[in-house]
């Protein structure tokens, strides 16, 4: 019985490690051309400004920045949902992983912000990175769809 519990615990820990590592690896991957700025301008997004504000002043009003990132996440998600499923299929696993990671990061921000932990700043930064990645994906898919 105790061996089963140990094995389950180890499996859960390894899955959590794989999940976080995969998401961070996806977020750190650079594409040949970055479309996130164009998508940001076209849709009135300011995740890059929020990211710079977080990096410049760690003591910014985190609750306001969090609310801003939540609104922008909704906008970028609606843009992703408008992309045709055939062009989205190559990034489907990546999108699903990052959507789940965004939810986990939101939860971590709420917990760490409630207890006044400094890790809430890194959670906001990761949320902004995720939105930027989604904006870049939207831009890539739009350009590849226009080129075809």
Foldseek 3Di string as FASTA:
>chain_A
DVVVVVVVVVVVVVVVVVLVVVLVVLLPDDDPDQQLVVLCVVVVACLVVLLVVCVVDVPPPLVVLLVSLVVLVVVLVVLVVPQDCVLCVVCVVVLVSLVVVLVVLNVVLVVCVVVVHSCNSVSSNSSSSSSSSSSRVSRVSVVVVVVD
